[in-house]
Amino acid sequence: MKSFGKRNYDLNYSKRTGAYAVIQNDHRQFLCVEDMDGNLFLVGGGIEEKESPDLALLRESIEETGHEIQIVEVIGKAERHWVSEKYPKDSQHNIGILYVCELLEKVAEPIEKETMRWVEFNYLEKHLFHEHHLYLIKQYLNIA
């Protein structure tokens, strides 16, 4: 598994494994969640205890977008260590499992209120928060 960053052993350790969707539209744009700081994140999130990555991704998609998704294929897994400005006492460790997905019908109103955006790859490359997610997307697109 490809790894980015280094764990800071002087800080509390926070590990989170998540499942994330790479969703493209007919214009080859990517569906992302944008936070208030302009950072982009893929649709998806943390896997809860006793939950499979597939089920976590389906749940997160409905929570974030209100849409069901179809998982097409697994892209891969990569990890990142970093210290967040939000949590400066924690050494963050994210293990991301990425899937190619198709956006299906809307079945609910999203629970989460972040902005959803379709973005071109060049914009995604500059603003995607997790470098290990970008690495896996580039692997999938054969441009790494």
N, C-alpha and C. Protein backbone atom coordinates (compact mmCIF):
# COMPACT_ATOMS: atom_id res chain seq x y z
N MET A 1 0.86 -1.17 0.00
CA MET A 1 0.00 0.00 0.00
C MET A 1 0.90 1.23 0.00
N LYS A 2 0.60 2.16 -0.91
CA LYS A 2 1.35 3.41 -1.01
C LYS A 2 1.04 4.28 0.21
N SER A 3 2.08 4.87 0.79
CA SER A 3 1.94 5.67 1.99
C SER A 3 2.47 7.08 1.76
N PHE A 4 1.76 8.07 2.33
CA PHE A 4 2.15 9.47 2.25
C PHE A 4 2.28 10.02 3.66
N GLY A 5 3.29 10.87 3.87
CA GLY A 5 3.49 11.50 5.16
C GLY A 5 4.10 10.54 6.17
N LYS A 6 4.34 11.07 7.35
CA LYS A 6 4.94 10.30 8.44
C LYS A 6 4.15 10.52 9.71
N ARG A 7 4.01 9.47 10.49
CA ARG A 7 3.34 9.57 11.78
C ARG A 7 4.19 10.39 12.74
N ASN A 8 3.55 11.28 13.50
CA ASN A 8 4.22 12.03 14.55
C ASN A 8 3.98 11.29 15.86
N TYR A 9 5.02 10.63 16.36
CA TYR A 9 4.90 9.80 17.55
C TYR A 9 4.79 10.61 18.84
N ASP A 10 4.97 11.92 18.77
CA ASP A 10 4.83 12.78 19.95
C ASP A 10 3.37 13.17 20.21
N LEU A 11 2.49 12.86 19.27
CA LEU A 11 1.09 13.26 19.37
C LEU A 11 0.18 12.04 19.56
N ASN A 12 -1.07 12.29 19.95
CA ASN A 12 -2.07 11.23 20.01
C ASN A 12 -2.24 10.65 18.61
N TYR A 13 -2.55 9.38 18.54
CA TYR A 13 -2.71 8.70 17.25
C TYR A 13 -4.18 8.55 16.93
N SER A 14 -4.59 8.98 15.75
CA SER A 14 -5.98 8.87 15.31
C SER A 14 -6.01 8.20 13.95
N LYS A 15 -6.55 6.98 13.91
CA LYS A 15 -6.60 6.20 12.67
C LYS A 15 -8.05 6.09 12.20
N ARG A 16 -8.23 6.28 10.89
CA ARG A 16 -9.57 6.16 10.30
C ARG A 16 -9.44 5.52 8.93
N THR A 17 -10.17 4.45 8.74
CA THR A 17 -10.24 3.81 7.43
C THR A 17 -11.56 4.22 6.80
N GLY A 18 -11.49 4.64 5.54
CA GLY A 18 -12.69 5.10 4.87
C GLY A 18 -12.81 4.55 3.46
N ALA A 19 -14.02 4.60 2.96
CA ALA A 19 -14.31 4.17 1.59
C ALA A 19 -14.80 5.40 0.82
N TYR A 20 -14.28 5.58 -0.41
CA TYR A 20 -14.53 6.80 -1.17
C TYR A 20 -14.86 6.48 -2.61
N ALA A 21 -15.73 7.30 -3.20
CA ALA A 21 -16.23 7.08 -4.55
C ALA A 21 -15.59 8.04 -5.54
N VAL A 22 -15.11 7.50 -6.64
CA VAL A 22 -14.67 8.30 -7.77
C VAL A 22 -15.82 8.25 -8.77
N ILE A 23 -16.54 9.36 -8.84
CA ILE A 23 -17.74 9.45 -9.69
C ILE A 23 -17.49 10.50 -10.75
N GLN A 24 -17.66 10.12 -12.01
CA GLN A 24 -17.50 11.07 -13.11
C GLN A 24 -18.81 11.18 -13.88
N ASN A 25 -19.04 12.38 -14.43
CA ASN A 25 -20.21 12.57 -15.28
C ASN A 25 -19.82 12.40 -16.75
N ASP A 26 -20.75 12.69 -17.65
CA ASP A 26 -20.49 12.52 -19.09
C ASP A 26 -19.43 13.48 -19.62
N HIS A 27 -19.12 14.52 -18.86
CA HIS A 27 -18.10 15.50 -19.26
C HIS A 27 -16.74 15.19 -18.62
N ARG A 28 -16.64 14.02 -18.00
CA ARG A 28 -15.41 13.54 -17.32
C ARG A 28 -15.05 14.39 -16.11
N GLN A 29 -16.04 15.10 -15.55
CA GLN A 29 -15.84 15.85 -14.32
C GLN A 29 -16.06 14.91 -13.13
N PHE A 30 -15.47 15.29 -12.00
CA PHE A 30 -15.52 14.48 -10.80
C PHE A 30 -16.46 15.10 -9.78
N LEU A 31 -17.27 14.27 -9.12
CA LEU A 31 -18.16 14.75 -8.07
C LEU A 31 -17.39 14.82 -6.76
N CYS A 32 -17.39 16.00 -6.14
CA CYS A 32 -16.66 16.22 -4.89
C CYS A 32 -17.51 16.97 -3.88
N VAL A 33 -17.09 16.86 -2.64
CA VAL A 33 -17.64 17.63 -1.55
C VAL A 33 -16.64 18.75 -1.30
N GLU A 34 -17.14 19.99 -1.16
CA GLU A 34 -16.25 21.13 -0.90
C GLU A 34 -16.52 21.68 0.49
N ASP A 35 -15.44 21.82 1.28
CA ASP A 35 -15.62 22.39 2.62
C ASP A 35 -15.56 23.91 2.57
N MET A 36 -15.73 24.54 3.70
CA MET A 36 -15.78 26.00 3.76
C MET A 36 -14.45 26.65 3.40
N ASP A 37 -13.36 25.89 3.47
CA ASP A 37 -12.04 26.42 3.13
C ASP A 37 -11.68 26.20 1.66
N GLY A 38 -12.59 25.61 0.88
CA GLY A 38 -12.33 25.36 -0.52
C GLY A 38 -11.61 24.06 -0.81
N ASN A 39 -11.41 23.24 0.22
CA ASN A 39 -10.81 21.93 0.01
C ASN A 39 -11.84 20.97 -0.57
N LEU A 40 -11.39 20.10 -1.45
CA LEU A 40 -12.27 19.10 -2.05
C LEU A 40 -12.01 17.74 -1.42
N PHE A 41 -13.08 16.98 -1.28
CA PHE A 41 -13.04 15.61 -0.77
C PHE A 41 -13.90 14.75 -1.68
N LEU A 42 -13.53 13.50 -1.82
CA LEU A 42 -14.37 12.57 -2.56
C LEU A 42 -15.58 12.22 -1.71
N VAL A 43 -16.67 11.83 -2.36
CA VAL A 43 -17.84 11.34 -1.65
C VAL A 43 -17.42 10.08 -0.90
N GLY A 44 -17.78 10.01 0.37
CA GLY A 44 -17.43 8.84 1.16
C GLY A 44 -17.03 9.24 2.55
N GLY A 45 -16.52 8.28 3.30
CA GLY A 45 -16.10 8.58 4.65
C GLY A 45 -15.77 7.33 5.44
N GLY A 46 -15.75 7.51 6.75
CA GLY A 46 -15.29 6.47 7.65
C GLY A 46 -16.16 5.23 7.66
N ILE A 47 -15.49 4.11 7.83
CA ILE A 47 -16.16 2.82 7.94
C ILE A 47 -16.44 2.58 9.43
N GLU A 48 -17.70 2.36 9.76
CA GLU A 48 -18.08 2.13 11.14
C GLU A 48 -17.79 0.69 11.55
N GLU A 49 -17.75 0.46 12.86
CA GLU A 49 -17.47 -0.88 13.38
C GLU A 49 -18.46 -1.90 12.81
N LYS A 50 -17.95 -3.03 12.38
CA LYS A 50 -18.73 -4.14 11.81
C LYS A 50 -19.42 -3.77 10.50
N GLU A 51 -18.92 -2.75 9.80
CA GLU A 51 -19.48 -2.33 8.52
C GLU A 51 -18.45 -2.62 7.44
N SER A 52 -18.90 -3.16 6.33
CA SER A 52 -17.97 -3.42 5.23
C SER A 52 -17.68 -2.11 4.50
N PRO A 53 -16.54 -2.02 3.80
CA PRO A 53 -16.26 -0.80 3.02
C PRO A 53 -17.36 -0.48 2.01
N ASP A 54 -17.89 -1.51 1.34
CA ASP A 54 -18.95 -1.29 0.34
C ASP A 54 -20.18 -0.66 0.98
N LEU A 55 -20.62 -1.22 2.10
CA LEU A 55 -21.82 -0.69 2.76
C LEU A 55 -21.58 0.71 3.31
N ALA A 56 -20.37 0.96 3.83
CA ALA A 56 -20.04 2.30 4.32
C ALA A 56 -20.14 3.32 3.19
N LEU A 57 -19.63 2.96 2.02
CA LEU A 57 -19.66 3.88 0.89
C LEU A 57 -21.10 4.15 0.44
N LEU A 58 -21.92 3.12 0.39
CA LEU A 58 -23.32 3.32 0.00
C LEU A 58 -24.03 4.22 1.01
N ARG A 59 -23.79 4.02 2.29
CA ARG A 59 -24.39 4.85 3.35
C ARG A 59 -23.91 6.30 3.24
N GLU A 60 -22.59 6.47 3.11
CA GLU A 60 -22.02 7.83 3.03
C GLU A 60 -22.54 8.58 1.80
N SER A 61 -22.72 7.90 0.69
CA SER A 61 -23.22 8.55 -0.52
C SER A 61 -24.62 9.13 -0.30
N ILE A 62 -25.48 8.35 0.34
CA ILE A 62 -26.83 8.85 0.60
C ILE A 62 -26.78 10.00 1.60
N GLU A 63 -25.94 9.89 2.64
CA GLU A 63 -25.84 10.97 3.62
C GLU A 63 -25.33 12.26 3.00
N GLU A 64 -24.35 12.15 2.08
CA GLU A 64 -23.72 13.35 1.51
C GLU A 64 -24.44 13.90 0.29
N THR A 65 -24.95 13.02 -0.56
CA THR A 65 -25.54 13.47 -1.82
C THR A 65 -27.04 13.24 -1.93
N GLY A 66 -27.58 12.30 -1.15
CA GLY A 66 -28.97 11.90 -1.30
C GLY A 66 -29.17 10.88 -2.41
N HIS A 67 -28.09 10.53 -3.09
CA HIS A 67 -28.16 9.60 -4.22
C HIS A 67 -27.61 8.23 -3.85
N GLU A 68 -28.24 7.21 -4.42
CA GLU A 68 -27.64 5.89 -4.37
C GLU A 68 -26.52 5.86 -5.40
N ILE A 69 -25.58 4.94 -5.22
CA ILE A 69 -24.51 4.76 -6.19
C ILE A 69 -24.39 3.28 -6.53
N GLN A 70 -23.76 3.02 -7.64
CA GLN A 70 -23.42 1.66 -8.05
C GLN A 70 -21.91 1.55 -8.03
N ILE A 71 -21.39 0.62 -7.25
CA ILE A 71 -19.95 0.39 -7.24
C ILE A 71 -19.60 -0.45 -8.47
N VAL A 72 -18.65 0.07 -9.26
CA VAL A 72 -18.27 -0.58 -10.51
C VAL A 72 -17.02 -1.43 -10.31
N GLU A 73 -16.01 -0.84 -9.67
CA GLU A 73 -14.76 -1.57 -9.43
C GLU A 73 -13.95 -0.91 -8.33
N VAL A 74 -13.07 -1.70 -7.74
CA VAL A 74 -12.15 -1.18 -6.73
C VAL A 74 -10.94 -0.59 -7.46
N ILE A 75 -10.54 0.62 -7.06
CA ILE A 75 -9.33 1.22 -7.61
C ILE A 75 -8.12 0.76 -6.80
N GLY A 76 -8.23 0.86 -5.48
CA GLY A 76 -7.12 0.46 -4.63
C GLY A 76 -7.17 1.12 -3.28
N LYS A 77 -6.06 0.98 -2.56
CA LYS A 77 -5.96 1.46 -1.19
C LYS A 77 -4.63 2.19 -1.02
N ALA A 78 -4.66 3.32 -0.30
CA ALA A 78 -3.45 4.07 0.02
C ALA A 78 -3.68 4.74 1.38
N GLU A 79 -2.59 5.22 2.00
CA GLU A 79 -2.72 5.83 3.31
C GLU A 79 -1.95 7.14 3.39
N ARG A 80 -2.37 7.96 4.36
CA ARG A 80 -1.73 9.25 4.58
C ARG A 80 -1.66 9.54 6.08
N HIS A 81 -0.51 10.01 6.52
CA HIS A 81 -0.32 10.51 7.88
C HIS A 81 -0.16 12.03 7.79
N TRP A 82 -0.79 12.77 8.70
CA TRP A 82 -0.65 14.22 8.74
C TRP A 82 -1.17 14.75 10.06
N VAL A 83 -0.87 16.02 10.31
CA VAL A 83 -1.40 16.72 11.48
C VAL A 83 -2.28 17.84 10.97
N SER A 84 -3.52 17.81 11.36
CA SER A 84 -4.52 18.77 10.91
C SER A 84 -4.45 20.05 11.74
N GLU A 85 -4.71 21.19 11.11
CA GLU A 85 -4.81 22.45 11.86
C GLU A 85 -5.96 22.39 12.85
N LYS A 86 -7.01 21.65 12.49
CA LYS A 86 -8.18 21.51 13.36
C LYS A 86 -7.87 20.70 14.62
N TYR A 87 -7.00 19.70 14.47
CA TYR A 87 -6.67 18.80 15.58
C TYR A 87 -5.16 18.71 15.73
N PRO A 88 -4.52 19.78 16.21
CA PRO A 88 -3.06 19.82 16.25
C PRO A 88 -2.42 18.87 17.26
N LYS A 89 -3.21 18.23 18.13
CA LYS A 89 -2.66 17.29 19.10
C LYS A 89 -2.76 15.84 18.62
N ASP A 90 -3.30 15.65 17.41
CA ASP A 90 -3.49 14.30 16.87
C ASP A 90 -2.67 14.08 15.62
N SER A 91 -1.99 12.96 15.57
CA SER A 91 -1.33 12.51 14.35
C SER A 91 -2.38 11.69 13.60
N GLN A 92 -2.92 12.27 12.54
CA GLN A 92 -3.99 11.65 11.77
C GLN A 92 -3.44 10.57 10.84
N HIS A 93 -4.20 9.50 10.68
CA HIS A 93 -3.83 8.41 9.78
C HIS A 93 -5.10 7.99 9.05
N ASN A 94 -5.15 8.29 7.77
CA ASN A 94 -6.31 7.91 6.95
C ASN A 94 -5.89 6.83 5.98
N ILE A 95 -6.62 5.73 6.01
CA ILE A 95 -6.47 4.68 5.01
C ILE A 95 -7.68 4.80 4.11
N GLY A 96 -7.45 5.09 2.84
CA GLY A 96 -8.54 5.28 1.90
C GLY A 96 -8.64 4.14 0.92
N ILE A 97 -9.85 3.61 0.79
CA ILE A 97 -10.15 2.59 -0.21
C ILE A 97 -11.03 3.28 -1.25
N LEU A 98 -10.55 3.36 -2.49
CA LEU A 98 -11.28 4.07 -3.54
C LEU A 98 -11.94 3.11 -4.51
N TYR A 99 -13.15 3.50 -4.93
CA TYR A 99 -13.95 2.73 -5.87
C TYR A 99 -14.41 3.62 -7.02
N VAL A 100 -14.46 3.06 -8.20
CA VAL A 100 -15.14 3.72 -9.31
C VAL A 100 -16.63 3.45 -9.11
N CYS A 101 -17.44 4.52 -9.17
CA CYS A 101 -18.87 4.39 -8.93
C CYS A 101 -19.66 5.18 -9.96
N GLU A 102 -20.91 4.78 -10.11
CA GLU A 102 -21.86 5.52 -10.94
C GLU A 102 -22.92 6.12 -10.03
N LEU A 103 -23.28 7.36 -10.30
CA LEU A 103 -24.32 8.05 -9.53
C LEU A 103 -25.68 7.59 -10.04
N LEU A 104 -26.53 7.13 -9.14
CA LEU A 104 -27.86 6.66 -9.51
C LEU A 104 -28.90 7.68 -9.06
N GLU A 105 -30.13 7.22 -8.88
CA GLU A 105 -31.22 8.14 -8.58
C GLU A 105 -31.14 8.73 -7.18
N LYS A 106 -31.74 9.90 -7.04
CA LYS A 106 -31.82 10.55 -5.74
C LYS A 106 -32.93 9.88 -4.94
N VAL A 107 -32.61 9.46 -3.71
CA VAL A 107 -33.59 8.74 -2.89
C VAL A 107 -33.91 9.47 -1.58
N ALA A 108 -33.16 10.53 -1.28
CA ALA A 108 -33.37 11.26 -0.02
C ALA A 108 -32.71 12.63 -0.13
N GLU A 109 -33.03 13.48 0.82
CA GLU A 109 -32.32 14.74 0.94
C GLU A 109 -31.02 14.45 1.70
N PRO A 110 -29.92 15.07 1.27
CA PRO A 110 -28.66 14.83 1.99
C PRO A 110 -28.75 15.28 3.45
N ILE A 111 -28.11 14.52 4.32
CA ILE A 111 -28.06 14.87 5.74
C ILE A 111 -26.97 15.92 5.96
N GLU A 112 -25.85 15.73 5.28
CA GLU A 112 -24.72 16.65 5.42
C GLU A 112 -24.92 17.84 4.49
N LYS A 113 -24.42 18.99 4.89
CA LYS A 113 -24.74 20.24 4.19
C LYS A 113 -23.58 20.84 3.40
N GLU A 114 -22.47 20.13 3.25
CA GLU A 114 -21.37 20.65 2.45
C GLU A 114 -21.81 20.77 0.99
N THR A 115 -21.15 21.64 0.27
CA THR A 115 -21.46 21.87 -1.14
C THR A 115 -20.94 20.72 -1.99
N MET A 116 -21.78 20.25 -2.90
CA MET A 116 -21.37 19.22 -3.87
C MET A 116 -21.02 19.93 -5.17
N ARG A 117 -19.90 19.55 -5.78
CA ARG A 117 -19.44 20.20 -7.02
C ARG A 117 -18.93 19.18 -8.00
N TRP A 118 -19.18 19.44 -9.27
CA TRP A 118 -18.54 18.71 -10.36
C TRP A 118 -17.34 19.54 -10.78
N VAL A 119 -16.16 18.93 -10.81
CA VAL A 119 -14.95 19.67 -11.15
C VAL A 119 -14.13 18.92 -12.19
N GLU A 120 -13.40 19.72 -12.97
CA GLU A 120 -12.46 19.16 -13.95
C GLU A 120 -11.27 18.56 -13.22
N PHE A 121 -10.55 17.65 -13.88
CA PHE A 121 -9.41 17.01 -13.25
C PHE A 121 -8.36 18.03 -12.80
N ASN A 122 -8.08 19.05 -13.62
CA ASN A 122 -7.06 20.03 -13.26
C ASN A 122 -7.40 20.74 -11.95
N TYR A 123 -8.68 21.04 -11.75
CA TYR A 123 -9.11 21.69 -10.51
C TYR A 123 -9.03 20.70 -9.34
N LEU A 124 -9.45 19.48 -9.59
CA LEU A 124 -9.36 18.42 -8.58
C LEU A 124 -7.92 18.23 -8.12
N GLU A 125 -7.01 18.22 -9.08
CA GLU A 125 -5.60 17.99 -8.78
C GLU A 125 -5.05 19.08 -7.85
N LYS A 126 -5.53 20.29 -7.98
CA LYS A 126 -5.03 21.40 -7.15
C LYS A 126 -5.71 21.48 -5.79
N HIS A 127 -6.95 20.98 -5.66
CA HIS A 127 -7.74 21.24 -4.47
C HIS A 127 -8.16 20.00 -3.68
N LEU A 128 -7.87 18.80 -4.17
CA LEU A 128 -8.23 17.60 -3.43
C LEU A 128 -7.38 17.53 -2.17
N PHE A 129 -8.01 17.42 -1.03
CA PHE A 129 -7.32 17.51 0.26
C PHE A 129 -6.36 16.35 0.50
N HIS A 130 -6.77 15.15 0.15
CA HIS A 130 -5.97 13.96 0.45
C HIS A 130 -5.11 13.57 -0.75
N GLU A 131 -3.80 13.70 -0.58
CA GLU A 131 -2.88 13.37 -1.67
C GLU A 131 -2.90 11.88 -2.01
N HIS A 132 -3.21 11.04 -1.05
CA HIS A 132 -3.27 9.60 -1.35
C HIS A 132 -4.49 9.27 -2.20
N HIS A 133 -5.55 10.04 -2.08
CA HIS A 133 -6.71 9.86 -2.96
C HIS A 133 -6.35 10.28 -4.39
N LEU A 134 -5.65 11.42 -4.51
CA LEU A 134 -5.24 11.88 -5.84
C LEU A 134 -4.31 10.86 -6.50
N TYR A 135 -3.40 10.31 -5.73
CA TYR A 135 -2.50 9.28 -6.24
C TYR A 135 -3.30 8.10 -6.84
N LEU A 136 -4.31 7.63 -6.11
CA LEU A 136 -5.10 6.50 -6.61
C LEU A 136 -5.92 6.88 -7.85
N ILE A 137 -6.44 8.10 -7.88
CA ILE A 137 -7.17 8.55 -9.07
C ILE A 137 -6.24 8.58 -10.28
N LYS A 138 -5.05 9.09 -10.09
CA LYS A 138 -4.06 9.12 -11.20
C LYS A 138 -3.70 7.71 -11.64
N GLN A 139 -3.59 6.79 -10.69
CA GLN A 139 -3.31 5.39 -11.05
C GLN A 139 -4.45 4.85 -11.92
N TYR A 140 -5.67 5.12 -11.51
CA TYR A 140 -6.85 4.67 -12.25
C TYR A 140 -6.89 5.26 -13.66
N LEU A 141 -6.53 6.54 -13.77
CA LEU A 141 -6.56 7.23 -15.07
C LEU A 141 -5.29 6.98 -15.89
N ASN A 142 -4.35 6.22 -15.35
CA ASN A 142 -3.06 5.93 -16.00
C ASN A 142 -2.26 7.19 -16.31
N ILE A 143 -2.25 8.13 -15.35
CA ILE A 143 -1.46 9.36 -15.55
C ILE A 143 -0.51 9.58 -14.37
N ALA A 144 -0.27 8.54 -13.60
CA ALA A 144 0.62 8.69 -12.42
C ALA A 144 2.06 8.73 -12.84
